[in-house]
Amino acid sequence: MQIAAARFTAAAPQPVQATQAPPPVDLTQLAVAQTNVKMQAAAGAALGQATGELTGLVADISV
């Protein structure tokens, strides 16, 4: 009985894949969104102020 020795060849190590960076953020869209939120808050405060003045309730929103 003969036993043949099988040759074992180790597989070449796979290169480490770099993690993908997230897509770039469009800062213009972010700035516009923030401006819109601020304008909505200011408009709401102004509307509340005007409504309060018409009903006799006065609040200082200039802070």
N, C-alpha and C. Protein backbone atom coordinates (compact mmCIF):
# COMPACT_ATOMS: atom_id res chain seq x y z
N MET A 1 0.84 -1.17 0.00
CA MET A 1 0.00 0.00 0.00
C MET A 1 0.89 1.23 0.00
N GLN A 2 0.57 2.14 -0.91
CA GLN A 2 1.33 3.39 -0.98
C GLN A 2 0.41 4.55 -0.60
N ILE A 3 1.00 5.50 0.12
CA ILE A 3 0.26 6.71 0.49
C ILE A 3 0.96 7.87 -0.20
N ALA A 4 0.23 8.57 -0.99
CA ALA A 4 0.80 9.72 -1.70
C ALA A 4 0.57 10.96 -0.84
N ALA A 5 1.60 11.71 -0.67
CA ALA A 5 1.49 12.95 0.10
C ALA A 5 0.96 14.05 -0.80
N ALA A 6 -0.13 14.60 -0.42
CA ALA A 6 -0.70 15.70 -1.21
C ALA A 6 0.00 16.99 -0.84
N ARG A 7 0.30 17.72 -1.85
CA ARG A 7 0.94 19.02 -1.58
C ARG A 7 -0.14 20.05 -1.27
N PHE A 8 0.07 20.79 -0.20
CA PHE A 8 -0.88 21.81 0.22
C PHE A 8 -0.28 23.17 -0.10
N THR A 9 -0.99 23.94 -0.84
CA THR A 9 -0.54 25.29 -1.16
C THR A 9 -1.52 26.26 -0.51
N ALA A 10 -1.00 27.10 0.35
CA ALA A 10 -1.85 28.08 1.02
C ALA A 10 -2.29 29.13 0.01
N ALA A 11 -3.53 29.51 0.12
CA ALA A 11 -4.05 30.54 -0.77
C ALA A 11 -3.41 31.87 -0.43
N ALA A 12 -3.19 32.67 -1.44
CA ALA A 12 -2.60 33.99 -1.22
C ALA A 12 -3.57 34.82 -0.39
N PRO A 13 -3.05 35.58 0.56
CA PRO A 13 -3.94 36.40 1.38
C PRO A 13 -4.64 37.45 0.51
N GLN A 14 -5.92 37.64 0.81
CA GLN A 14 -6.69 38.62 0.07
C GLN A 14 -6.34 40.03 0.58
N PRO A 15 -6.23 40.99 -0.30
CA PRO A 15 -5.94 42.35 0.16
C PRO A 15 -7.10 42.88 1.00
N VAL A 16 -6.76 43.66 1.98
CA VAL A 16 -7.78 44.24 2.86
C VAL A 16 -8.51 45.33 2.08
N GLN A 17 -9.82 45.22 2.05
CA GLN A 17 -10.59 46.22 1.32
C GLN A 17 -10.78 47.44 2.20
N ALA A 18 -10.57 48.58 1.60
CA ALA A 18 -10.77 49.83 2.34
C ALA A 18 -12.26 50.05 2.53
N THR A 19 -12.63 50.58 3.67
CA THR A 19 -14.04 50.87 3.91
C THR A 19 -14.44 52.04 3.02
N GLN A 20 -15.63 51.93 2.48
CA GLN A 20 -16.07 52.99 1.60
C GLN A 20 -16.49 54.20 2.41
N ALA A 21 -16.08 55.34 1.94
CA ALA A 21 -16.45 56.58 2.60
C ALA A 21 -17.90 56.89 2.25
N PRO A 22 -18.61 57.53 3.16
CA PRO A 22 -19.99 57.91 2.85
C PRO A 22 -20.00 58.93 1.71
N PRO A 23 -21.10 59.02 1.00
CA PRO A 23 -21.14 59.99 -0.10
C PRO A 23 -20.99 61.41 0.43
N PRO A 24 -20.45 62.30 -0.36
CA PRO A 24 -20.25 63.67 0.11
C PRO A 24 -21.59 64.34 0.41
N VAL A 25 -21.56 65.24 1.36
CA VAL A 25 -22.77 65.95 1.77
C VAL A 25 -22.83 67.27 1.00
N ASP A 26 -23.98 67.57 0.46
CA ASP A 26 -24.17 68.84 -0.23
C ASP A 26 -24.46 69.92 0.81
N LEU A 27 -23.47 70.73 1.12
CA LEU A 27 -23.62 71.73 2.17
C LEU A 27 -24.60 72.83 1.79
N THR A 28 -24.78 73.05 0.50
CA THR A 28 -25.74 74.07 0.07
C THR A 28 -27.15 73.64 0.45
N GLN A 29 -27.47 72.37 0.20
CA GLN A 29 -28.81 71.89 0.56
C GLN A 29 -29.01 71.92 2.07
N LEU A 30 -27.96 71.61 2.81
CA LEU A 30 -28.06 71.65 4.28
C LEU A 30 -28.31 73.07 4.76
N ALA A 31 -27.59 74.03 4.20
CA ALA A 31 -27.76 75.43 4.60
C ALA A 31 -29.16 75.92 4.26
N VAL A 32 -29.67 75.55 3.09
CA VAL A 32 -31.02 75.96 2.69
C VAL A 32 -32.05 75.36 3.64
N ALA A 33 -31.87 74.10 4.00
CA ALA A 33 -32.81 73.45 4.91
C ALA A 33 -32.81 74.14 6.28
N GLN A 34 -31.62 74.49 6.76
CA GLN A 34 -31.54 75.17 8.06
C GLN A 34 -32.17 76.54 7.99
N THR A 35 -31.94 77.25 6.89
CA THR A 35 -32.54 78.58 6.72
C THR A 35 -34.06 78.47 6.68
N ASN A 36 -34.58 77.46 5.99
CA ASN A 36 -36.03 77.28 5.92
C ASN A 36 -36.62 77.04 7.29
N VAL A 37 -35.95 76.24 8.10
CA VAL A 37 -36.44 75.96 9.45
C VAL A 37 -36.43 77.23 10.28
N LYS A 38 -35.37 78.01 10.17
CA LYS A 38 -35.30 79.27 10.93
C LYS A 38 -36.39 80.25 10.48
N MET A 39 -36.62 80.31 9.17
CA MET A 39 -37.65 81.22 8.66
C MET A 39 -39.03 80.78 9.13
N GLN A 40 -39.28 79.48 9.17
CA GLN A 40 -40.57 79.00 9.64
C GLN A 40 -40.77 79.33 11.12
N ALA A 41 -39.71 79.18 11.90
CA ALA A 41 -39.80 79.50 13.32
C ALA A 41 -40.04 81.00 13.52
N ALA A 42 -39.34 81.83 12.74
CA ALA A 42 -39.51 83.27 12.86
C ALA A 42 -40.91 83.69 12.42
N ALA A 43 -41.41 83.08 11.34
CA ALA A 43 -42.75 83.41 10.87
C ALA A 43 -43.80 83.01 11.90
N GLY A 44 -43.59 81.85 12.51
CA GLY A 44 -44.51 81.41 13.55
C GLY A 44 -44.51 82.34 14.75
N ALA A 45 -43.32 82.79 15.13
CA ALA A 45 -43.22 83.72 16.26
C ALA A 45 -43.87 85.06 15.92
N ALA A 46 -43.65 85.54 14.70
CA ALA A 46 -44.25 86.81 14.29
C ALA A 46 -45.78 86.70 14.23
N LEU A 47 -46.26 85.58 13.72
CA LEU A 47 -47.71 85.37 13.66
C LEU A 47 -48.29 85.31 15.07
N GLY A 48 -47.59 84.62 15.96
CA GLY A 48 -48.04 84.57 17.35
C GLY A 48 -48.04 85.94 18.00
N GLN A 49 -47.02 86.74 17.69
CA GLN A 49 -46.93 88.08 18.25
C GLN A 49 -48.09 88.94 17.74
N ALA A 50 -48.33 88.88 16.43
CA ALA A 50 -49.41 89.68 15.86
C ALA A 50 -50.76 89.25 16.42
N THR A 51 -50.96 87.96 16.53
CA THR A 51 -52.22 87.45 17.08
C THR A 51 -52.37 87.89 18.53
N GLY A 52 -51.27 87.81 19.28
CA GLY A 52 -51.32 88.23 20.69
C GLY A 52 -51.62 89.70 20.84
N GLU A 53 -51.06 90.52 19.96
CA GLU A 53 -51.32 91.96 20.04
C GLU A 53 -52.77 92.27 19.71
N LEU A 54 -53.31 91.53 18.75
CA LEU A 54 -54.71 91.75 18.39
C LEU A 54 -55.65 91.32 19.51
N THR A 55 -55.24 90.32 20.29
CA THR A 55 -56.10 89.85 21.38
C THR A 55 -55.76 90.52 22.70
N GLY A 56 -54.76 91.39 22.69
CA GLY A 56 -54.41 92.13 23.91
C GLY A 56 -53.27 91.51 24.70
N LEU A 57 -52.70 90.40 24.24
CA LEU A 57 -51.58 89.77 24.94
C LEU A 57 -50.29 90.17 24.21
N VAL A 58 -49.36 90.77 24.92
CA VAL A 58 -48.14 91.26 24.29
C VAL A 58 -46.96 90.47 24.84
N ALA A 59 -46.10 90.00 23.94
CA ALA A 59 -44.89 89.29 24.35
C ALA A 59 -43.72 89.87 23.58
N ASP A 60 -42.55 89.88 24.20
CA ASP A 60 -41.35 90.42 23.55
C ASP A 60 -40.63 89.25 22.85
N ILE A 61 -40.59 89.29 21.51
CA ILE A 61 -39.92 88.21 20.76
C ILE A 61 -38.58 88.67 20.21
N SER A 62 -38.08 89.80 20.66
CA SER A 62 -36.83 90.34 20.12
C SER A 62 -35.61 89.71 20.75
N VAL A 63 -35.78 88.71 21.59
CA VAL A 63 -34.65 88.10 22.29
C VAL A 63 -33.80 87.30 21.35
